[in-house]
Amino acid sequence: MDPPSKEVAPHRAAVAQQLREATFQGATGKIDFRTSRIGNERNLAVLRVSDIHDLDAAPTCAYMKGGLFDPRQSRDPDTGCPE
């Protein structure tokens, strides 16, 4: 009789390394961390969806760092989101 098999959880560092070596298609273009993994010069937006099951719901900005499409647009001083 074989002993019961134990499921082994993937190693977090191995998963992170694999994700860093991949290229992803984002909403505004290719996301690629292979050359540089530093995000200091990259734009970042965290969006919130009120109901994940509502496919027609528009996401809202929760936090934003980086340049806006129109630099004259005002931003929320706490979140950086366009107003």
PDB file of N, CA and C in Angstrom:
ATOM      1  N   MET A   1       0.840  -1.177   0.000  1.00  0.00           N
ATOM      2  CA  MET A   1       0.000   0.000   0.000  1.00  0.00           C
ATOM      3  C   MET A   1       0.881   1.235   0.000  1.00  0.00           C
ATOM      4  N   ASP A   2       0.588   2.147  -0.935  1.00  0.00           N
ATOM      5  CA  ASP A   2       1.357   3.379  -1.042  1.00  0.00           C
ATOM      6  C   ASP A   2       0.947   4.356   0.047  1.00  0.00           C
ATOM      7  N   PRO A   3       1.912   5.113   0.583  1.00  0.00           N
ATOM      8  CA  PRO A   3       1.554   6.134   1.573  1.00  0.00           C
ATOM      9  C   PRO A   3       0.745   7.235   0.895  1.00  0.00           C
ATOM     10  N   PRO A   4      -0.105   7.928   1.649  1.00  0.00           N
ATOM     11  CA  PRO A   4      -0.896   9.014   1.050  1.00  0.00           C
ATOM     12  C   PRO A   4       0.034  10.096   0.507  1.00  0.00           C
ATOM     13  N   SER A   5      -0.312  10.635  -0.647  1.00  0.00           N
ATOM     14  CA  SER A   5       0.529  11.677  -1.244  1.00  0.00           C
ATOM     15  C   SER A   5       0.267  13.014  -0.550  1.00  0.00           C
ATOM     16  N   LYS A   6       1.317  13.761  -0.387  1.00  0.00           N
ATOM     17  CA  LYS A   6       1.208  15.086   0.209  1.00  0.00           C
ATOM     18  C   LYS A   6       1.339  16.113  -0.909  1.00  0.00           C
ATOM     19  N   GLU A   7       0.384  17.029  -0.974  1.00  0.00           N
ATOM     20  CA  GLU A   7       0.495  18.097  -1.952  1.00  0.00           C
ATOM     21  C   GLU A   7       1.516  19.102  -1.456  1.00  0.00           C
ATOM     22  N   VAL A   8       2.385  19.493  -2.342  1.00  0.00           N
ATOM     23  CA  VAL A   8       3.433  20.445  -1.993  1.00  0.00           C
ATOM     24  C   VAL A   8       3.064  21.796  -2.606  1.00  0.00           C
ATOM     25  N   ALA A   9       3.027  22.805  -1.757  1.00  0.00           N
ATOM     26  CA  ALA A   9       2.720  24.157  -2.231  1.00  0.00           C
ATOM     27  C   ALA A   9       3.897  24.681  -3.044  1.00  0.00           C
ATOM     28  N   PRO A  10       3.615  25.436  -4.104  1.00  0.00           N
ATOM     29  CA  PRO A  10       4.720  26.010  -4.882  1.00  0.00           C
ATOM     30  C   PRO A  10       5.524  26.989  -4.038  1.00  0.00           C
ATOM     31  N   HIS A  11       6.791  27.068  -4.311  1.00  0.00           N
ATOM     32  CA  HIS A  11       7.669  27.975  -3.581  1.00  0.00           C
ATOM     33  C   HIS A  11       7.408  29.405  -4.064  1.00  0.00           C
ATOM     34  N   ARG A  12       7.154  30.340  -3.138  1.00  0.00           N
ATOM     35  CA  ARG A  12       6.801  31.720  -3.499  1.00  0.00           C
ATOM     36  C   ARG A  12       7.858  32.384  -4.366  1.00  0.00           C
ATOM     37  N   ALA A  13       9.118  32.178  -4.049  1.00  0.00           N
ATOM     38  CA  ALA A  13      10.187  32.814  -4.821  1.00  0.00           C
ATOM     39  C   ALA A  13      10.230  32.279  -6.250  1.00  0.00           C
ATOM     40  N   ALA A  14       9.972  30.990  -6.417  1.00  0.00           N
ATOM     41  CA  ALA A  14       9.970  30.403  -7.760  1.00  0.00           C
ATOM     42  C   ALA A  14       8.816  30.961  -8.592  1.00  0.00           C
ATOM     43  N   VAL A  15       7.659  31.137  -7.972  1.00  0.00           N
ATOM     44  CA  VAL A  15       6.512  31.706  -8.683  1.00  0.00           C
ATOM     45  C   VAL A  15       6.814  33.154  -9.071  1.00  0.00           C
ATOM     46  N   ALA A  16       7.350  33.926  -8.144  1.00  0.00           N
ATOM     47  CA  ALA A  16       7.679  35.331  -8.424  1.00  0.00           C
ATOM     48  C   ALA A  16       8.712  35.429  -9.548  1.00  0.00           C
ATOM     49  N   GLN A  17       9.708  34.574  -9.523  1.00  0.00           N
ATOM     50  CA  GLN A  17      10.735  34.596 -10.572  1.00  0.00           C
ATOM     51  C   GLN A  17      10.120  34.286 -11.933  1.00  0.00           C
ATOM     52  N   GLN A  18       9.241  33.321 -11.987  1.00  0.00           N
ATOM     53  CA  GLN A  18       8.602  32.977 -13.255  1.00  0.00           C
ATOM     54  C   GLN A  18       7.751  34.139 -13.782  1.00  0.00           C
ATOM     55  N   LEU A  19       7.020  34.805 -12.895  1.00  0.00           N
ATOM     56  CA  LEU A  19       6.213  35.950 -13.315  1.00  0.00           C
ATOM     57  C   LEU A  19       7.086  37.103 -13.800  1.00  0.00           C
ATOM     58  N   ARG A  20       8.237  37.305 -13.156  1.00  0.00           N
ATOM     59  CA  ARG A  20       9.132  38.391 -13.564  1.00  0.00           C
ATOM     60  C   ARG A  20       9.754  38.133 -14.934  1.00  0.00           C
ATOM     61  N   GLU A  21       9.871  36.884 -15.319  1.00  0.00           N
ATOM     62  CA  GLU A  21      10.484  36.560 -16.603  1.00  0.00           C
ATOM     63  C   GLU A  21       9.479  36.524 -17.747  1.00  0.00           C
ATOM     64  N   ALA A  22       8.196  36.713 -17.472  1.00  0.00           N
ATOM     65  CA  ALA A  22       7.159  36.668 -18.497  1.00  0.00           C
ATOM     66  C   ALA A  22       6.830  38.082 -18.975  1.00  0.00           C
ATOM     67  N   THR A  23       6.215  38.167 -20.127  1.00  0.00           N
ATOM     68  CA  THR A  23       5.723  39.426 -20.681  1.00  0.00           C
ATOM     69  C   THR A  23       4.207  39.328 -20.737  1.00  0.00           C
ATOM     70  N   PHE A  24       3.527  40.391 -20.312  1.00  0.00           N
ATOM     71  CA  PHE A  24       2.071  40.396 -20.263  1.00  0.00           C
ATOM     72  C   PHE A  24       1.532  41.524 -21.129  1.00  0.00           C
ATOM     73  N   GLN A  25       0.372  41.316 -21.719  1.00  0.00           N
ATOM     74  CA  GLN A  25      -0.288  42.374 -22.471  1.00  0.00           C
ATOM     75  C   GLN A  25      -1.209  43.120 -21.515  1.00  0.00           C
ATOM     76  N   GLY A  26      -0.926  44.384 -21.252  1.00  0.00           N
ATOM     77  CA  GLY A  26      -1.745  45.210 -20.374  1.00  0.00           C
ATOM     78  C   GLY A  26      -2.715  46.056 -21.167  1.00  0.00           C
ATOM     79  N   ALA A  27      -3.520  46.829 -20.477  1.00  0.00           N
ATOM     80  CA  ALA A  27      -4.530  47.667 -21.130  1.00  0.00           C
ATOM     81  C   ALA A  27      -3.896  48.745 -22.001  1.00  0.00           C
ATOM     82  N   THR A  28      -2.705  49.199 -21.652  1.00  0.00           N
ATOM     83  CA  THR A  28      -2.067  50.274 -22.423  1.00  0.00           C
ATOM     84  C   THR A  28      -0.820  49.805 -23.167  1.00  0.00           C
ATOM     85  N   GLY A  29      -0.590  48.513 -23.216  1.00  0.00           N
ATOM     86  CA  GLY A  29       0.574  47.997 -23.938  1.00  0.00           C
ATOM     87  C   GLY A  29       1.230  46.859 -23.196  1.00  0.00           C
ATOM     88  N   LYS A  30       2.403  46.468 -23.672  1.00  0.00           N
ATOM     89  CA  LYS A  30       3.127  45.338 -23.117  1.00  0.00           C
ATOM     90  C   LYS A  30       3.727  45.688 -21.753  1.00  0.00           C
ATOM     91  N   ILE A  31       3.612  44.763 -20.813  1.00  0.00           N
ATOM     92  CA  ILE A  31       4.228  44.903 -19.490  1.00  0.00           C
ATOM     93  C   ILE A  31       5.386  43.916 -19.454  1.00  0.00           C
ATOM     94  N   ASP A  32       6.577  44.439 -19.254  1.00  0.00           N
ATOM     95  CA  ASP A  32       7.768  43.615 -19.346  1.00  0.00           C
ATOM     96  C   ASP A  32       8.747  44.016 -18.244  1.00  0.00           C
ATOM     97  N   PHE A  33       9.017  43.101 -17.330  1.00  0.00           N
ATOM     98  CA  PHE A  33       9.953  43.373 -16.228  1.00  0.00           C
ATOM     99  C   PHE A  33      11.283  42.658 -16.439  1.00  0.00           C
ATOM    100  N   ARG A  34      11.519  42.120 -17.629  1.00  0.00           N
ATOM    101  CA  ARG A  34      12.746  41.348 -17.855  1.00  0.00           C
ATOM    102  C   ARG A  34      13.983  42.233 -17.831  1.00  0.00           C
ATOM    103  N   THR A  35      13.907  43.450 -18.376  1.00  0.00           N
ATOM    104  CA  THR A  35      15.066  44.330 -18.424  1.00  0.00           C
ATOM    105  C   THR A  35      15.266  45.050 -17.096  1.00  0.00           C
ATOM    106  N   SER A  36      14.177  45.578 -16.537  1.00  0.00           N
ATOM    107  CA  SER A  36      14.251  46.321 -15.288  1.00  0.00           C
ATOM    108  C   SER A  36      13.051  45.974 -14.429  1.00  0.00           C
ATOM    109  N   ARG A  37      13.305  45.673 -13.203  1.00  0.00           N
ATOM    110  CA  ARG A  37      12.221  45.325 -12.277  1.00  0.00           C
ATOM    111  C   ARG A  37      11.883  46.481 -11.351  1.00  0.00           C
ATOM    112  N   ILE A  38      12.448  47.647 -11.617  1.00  0.00           N
ATOM    113  CA  ILE A  38      12.207  48.824 -10.797  1.00  0.00           C
ATOM    114  C   ILE A  38      11.063  49.620 -11.414  1.00  0.00           C
ATOM    115  N   GLY A  39      10.083  49.965 -10.612  1.00  0.00           N
ATOM    116  CA  GLY A  39       8.911  50.671 -11.115  1.00  0.00           C
ATOM    117  C   GLY A  39       8.926  52.165 -10.882  1.00  0.00           C
ATOM    118  N   ASN A  40      10.058  52.729 -10.508  1.00  0.00           N
ATOM    119  CA  ASN A  40      10.108  54.153 -10.176  1.00  0.00           C
ATOM    120  C   ASN A  40       9.699  55.048 -11.333  1.00  0.00           C
ATOM    121  N   GLU A  41       9.979  54.682 -12.543  1.00  0.00           N
ATOM    122  CA  GLU A  41       9.683  55.524 -13.699  1.00  0.00           C
ATOM    123  C   GLU A  41       8.456  55.043 -14.465  1.00  0.00           C
ATOM    124  N   ARG A  42       7.692  54.121 -13.891  1.00  0.00           N
ATOM    125  CA  ARG A  42       6.524  53.576 -14.574  1.00  0.00           C
ATOM    126  C   ARG A  42       5.250  54.136 -13.970  1.00  0.00           C
ATOM    127  N   ASN A  43       4.233  54.282 -14.813  1.00  0.00           N
ATOM    128  CA  ASN A  43       2.919  54.679 -14.319  1.00  0.00           C
ATOM    129  C   ASN A  43       2.255  53.484 -13.660  1.00  0.00           C
ATOM    130  N   LEU A  44       1.455  53.767 -12.652  1.00  0.00           N
ATOM    131  CA  LEU A  44       0.749  52.707 -11.938  1.00  0.00           C
ATOM    132  C   LEU A  44      -0.619  53.226 -11.535  1.00  0.00           C
ATOM    133  N   ALA A  45      -1.644  52.437 -11.785  1.00  0.00           N
ATOM    134  CA  ALA A  45      -2.995  52.774 -11.335  1.00  0.00           C
ATOM    135  C   ALA A  45      -3.608  51.543 -10.699  1.00  0.00           C
ATOM    136  N   VAL A  46      -4.192  51.730  -9.541  1.00  0.00           N
ATOM    137  CA  VAL A  46      -4.946  50.675  -8.874  1.00  0.00           C
ATOM    138  C   VAL A  46      -6.413  51.028  -9.058  1.00  0.00           C
ATOM    139  N   LEU A  47      -7.147  50.134  -9.698  1.00  0.00           N
ATOM    140  CA  LEU A  47      -8.551  50.381  -9.986  1.00  0.00           C
ATOM    141  C   LEU A  47      -9.423  49.523  -9.089  1.00  0.00           C
ATOM    142  N   ARG A  48     -10.596  50.037  -8.779  1.00  0.00           N
ATOM    143  CA  ARG A  48     -11.546  49.330  -7.918  1.00  0.00           C
ATOM    144  C   ARG A  48     -12.799  49.049  -8.736  1.00  0.00           C
ATOM    145  N   VAL A  49     -13.311  47.821  -8.619  1.00  0.00           N
ATOM    146  CA  VAL A  49     -14.564  47.436  -9.258  1.00  0.00           C
ATOM    147  C   VAL A  49     -15.558  47.146  -8.142  1.00  0.00           C
ATOM    148  N   SER A  50     -16.705  47.826  -8.165  1.00  0.00           N
ATOM    149  CA  SER A  50     -17.668  47.678  -7.069  1.00  0.00           C
ATOM    150  C   SER A  50     -18.315  46.292  -7.048  1.00  0.00           C
ATOM    151  N   ASP A  51     -18.566  45.719  -8.224  1.00  0.00           N
ATOM    152  CA  ASP A  51     -19.182  44.392  -8.286  1.00  0.00           C
ATOM    153  C   ASP A  51     -18.460  43.598  -9.367  1.00  0.00           C
ATOM    154  N   ILE A  52     -17.649  42.645  -8.974  1.00  0.00           N
ATOM    155  CA  ILE A  52     -16.834  41.873  -9.906  1.00  0.00           C
ATOM    156  C   ILE A  52     -17.687  41.086 -10.898  1.00  0.00           C
ATOM    157  N   HIS A  53     -18.952  40.849 -10.556  1.00  0.00           N
ATOM    158  CA  HIS A  53     -19.839  40.084 -11.431  1.00  0.00           C
ATOM    159  C   HIS A  53     -20.548  40.960 -12.457  1.00  0.00           C
ATOM    160  N   ASP A  54     -20.469  42.280 -12.306  1.00  0.00           N
ATOM    161  CA  ASP A  54     -21.108  43.211 -13.235  1.00  0.00           C
ATOM    162  C   ASP A  54     -20.091  43.590 -14.311  1.00  0.00           C
ATOM    163  N   LEU A  55     -20.168  42.933 -15.471  1.00  0.00           N
ATOM    164  CA  LEU A  55     -19.182  43.140 -16.524  1.00  0.00           C
ATOM    165  C   LEU A  55     -19.302  44.505 -17.190  1.00  0.00           C
ATOM    166  N   ASP A  56     -20.411  45.195 -16.987  1.00  0.00           N
ATOM    167  CA  ASP A  56     -20.593  46.518 -17.569  1.00  0.00           C
ATOM    168  C   ASP A  56     -20.176  47.639 -16.622  1.00  0.00           C
ATOM    169  N   ALA A  57     -19.824  47.298 -15.395  1.00  0.00           N
ATOM    170  CA  ALA A  57     -19.446  48.314 -14.408  1.00  0.00           C
ATOM    171  C   ALA A  57     -18.093  48.920 -14.781  1.00  0.00           C
ATOM    172  N   ALA A  58     -18.014  50.229 -14.702  1.00  0.00           N
ATOM    173  CA  ALA A  58     -16.747  50.914 -14.975  1.00  0.00           C
ATOM    174  C   ALA A  58     -15.909  50.934 -13.709  1.00  0.00           C
ATOM    175  N   PRO A  59     -14.634  50.575 -13.792  1.00  0.00           N
ATOM    176  CA  PRO A  59     -13.775  50.651 -12.620  1.00  0.00           C
ATOM    177  C   PRO A  59     -13.505  52.104 -12.239  1.00  0.00           C
ATOM    178  N   THR A  60     -13.227  52.330 -10.981  1.00  0.00           N
ATOM    179  CA  THR A  60     -12.873  53.665 -10.504  1.00  0.00           C
ATOM    180  C   THR A  60     -11.433  53.642  -9.992  1.00  0.00           C
ATOM    181  N   CYS A  61     -10.813  54.772 -10.038  1.00  0.00           N
ATOM    182  CA  CYS A  61      -9.423  54.891  -9.616  1.00  0.00           C
ATOM    183  C   CYS A  61      -9.347  54.910  -8.090  1.00  0.00           C
ATOM    184  N   ALA A  62      -8.507  54.040  -7.525  1.00  0.00           N
ATOM    185  CA  ALA A  62      -8.274  54.027  -6.081  1.00  0.00           C
ATOM    186  C   ALA A  62      -6.938  54.703  -5.743  1.00  0.00           C
ATOM    187  N   TYR A  63      -5.953  54.561  -6.633  1.00  0.00           N
ATOM    188  CA  TYR A  63      -4.626  55.153  -6.428  1.00  0.00           C
ATOM    189  C   TYR A  63      -3.944  55.255  -7.782  1.00  0.00           C
ATOM    190  N   MET A  64      -3.202  56.329  -7.983  1.00  0.00           N
ATOM    191  CA  MET A  64      -2.478  56.487  -9.244  1.00  0.00           C
ATOM    192  C   MET A  64      -1.160  57.176  -9.008  1.00  0.00           C
ATOM    193  N   LYS A  65      -0.112  56.665  -9.667  1.00  0.00           N
ATOM    194  CA  LYS A  65       1.229  57.261  -9.614  1.00  0.00           C
ATOM    195  C   LYS A  65       1.732  57.351 -11.039  1.00  0.00           C
ATOM    196  N   GLY A  66       2.286  58.481 -11.397  1.00  0.00           N
ATOM    197  CA  GLY A  66       2.822  58.643 -12.739  1.00  0.00           C
ATOM    198  C   GLY A  66       2.081  59.720 -13.505  1.00  0.00           C
ATOM    199  N   GLY A  67       2.375  59.801 -14.794  1.00  0.00           N
ATOM    200  CA  GLY A  67       1.823  60.857 -15.627  1.00  0.00           C
ATOM    201  C   GLY A  67       0.408  60.576 -16.088  1.00  0.00           C
ATOM    202  N   LEU A  68      -0.337  61.641 -16.291  1.00  0.00           N
ATOM    203  CA  LEU A  68      -1.686  61.544 -16.840  1.00  0.00           C
ATOM    204  C   LEU A  68      -1.632  61.797 -18.343  1.00  0.00           C
ATOM    205  N   PHE A  69      -2.661  61.357 -19.041  1.00  0.00           N
ATOM    206  CA  PHE A  69      -2.748  61.619 -20.476  1.00  0.00           C
ATOM    207  C   PHE A  69      -2.736  63.125 -20.732  1.00  0.00           C
ATOM    208  N   ASP A  70      -3.507  63.853 -19.937  1.00  0.00           N
ATOM    209  CA  ASP A  70      -3.537  65.317 -20.040  1.00  0.00           C
ATOM    210  C   ASP A  70      -2.935  65.882 -18.754  1.00  0.00           C
ATOM    211  N   PRO A  71      -1.701  66.371 -18.793  1.00  0.00           N
ATOM    212  CA  PRO A  71      -1.050  66.839 -17.569  1.00  0.00           C
ATOM    213  C   PRO A  71      -1.727  68.039 -16.920  1.00  0.00           C
ATOM    214  N   ARG A  72      -2.634  68.710 -17.639  1.00  0.00           N
ATOM    215  CA  ARG A  72      -3.349  69.853 -17.058  1.00  0.00           C
ATOM    216  C   ARG A  72      -4.528  69.405 -16.200  1.00  0.00           C
ATOM    217  N   GLN A  73      -4.880  68.121 -16.265  1.00  0.00           N
ATOM    218  CA  GLN A  73      -6.015  67.609 -15.487  1.00  0.00           C
ATOM    219  C   GLN A  73      -5.652  67.600 -14.002  1.00  0.00           C
ATOM    220  N   SER A  74      -6.598  68.016 -13.167  1.00  0.00           N
ATOM    221  CA  SER A  74      -6.320  68.056 -11.729  1.00  0.00           C
ATOM    222  C   SER A  74      -6.368  66.646 -11.147  1.00  0.00           C
ATOM    223  N   ARG A  75      -5.647  66.493 -10.019  1.00  0.00           N
ATOM    224  CA  ARG A  75      -5.533  65.195  -9.362  1.00  0.00           C
ATOM    225  C   ARG A  75      -5.925  65.325  -7.902  1.00  0.00           C
ATOM    226  N   ASP A  76      -6.463  64.248  -7.362  1.00  0.00           N
ATOM    227  CA  ASP A  76      -6.760  64.187  -5.937  1.00  0.00           C
ATOM    228  C   ASP A  76      -5.424  64.166  -5.191  1.00  0.00           C
ATOM    229  N   PRO A  77      -5.212  65.048  -4.221  1.00  0.00           N
ATOM    230  CA  PRO A  77      -3.908  65.110  -3.542  1.00  0.00           C
ATOM    231  C   PRO A  77      -3.587  63.865  -2.719  1.00  0.00           C
ATOM    232  N   ASP A  78      -4.605  63.127  -2.278  1.00  0.00           N
ATOM    233  CA  ASP A  78      -4.348  61.929  -1.463  1.00  0.00           C
ATOM    234  C   ASP A  78      -4.111  60.678  -2.294  1.00  0.00           C
ATOM    235  N   THR A  79      -4.870  60.514  -3.377  1.00  0.00           N
ATOM    236  CA  THR A  79      -4.774  59.282  -4.164  1.00  0.00           C
ATOM    237  C   THR A  79      -3.992  59.449  -5.455  1.00  0.00           C
ATOM    238  N   GLY A  80      -3.871  60.676  -5.953  1.00  0.00           N
ATOM    239  CA  GLY A  80      -3.223  60.895  -7.242  1.00  0.00           C
ATOM    240  C   GLY A  80      -4.135  60.622  -8.413  1.00  0.00           C
ATOM    241  N   CYS A  81      -5.389  60.242  -8.150  1.00  0.00           N
ATOM    242  CA  CYS A  81      -6.346  59.924  -9.214  1.00  0.00           C
ATOM    243  C   CYS A  81      -6.843  61.201  -9.893  1.00  0.00           C
ATOM    244  N   PRO A  82      -7.163  61.111 -11.186  1.00  0.00           N
ATOM    245  CA  PRO A  82      -7.753  62.271 -11.855  1.00  0.00           C
ATOM    246  C   PRO A  82      -9.075  62.644 -11.194  1.00  0.00           C
ATOM    247  N   GLU A  83      -9.344  63.954 -11.123  1.00  0.00           N
ATOM    248  CA  GLU A  83     -10.612  64.410 -10.531  1.00  0.00           C
ATOM    249  C   GLU A  83     -11.618  64.701 -11.604  1.00  0.00           C
TER     250      GLU A  83
END
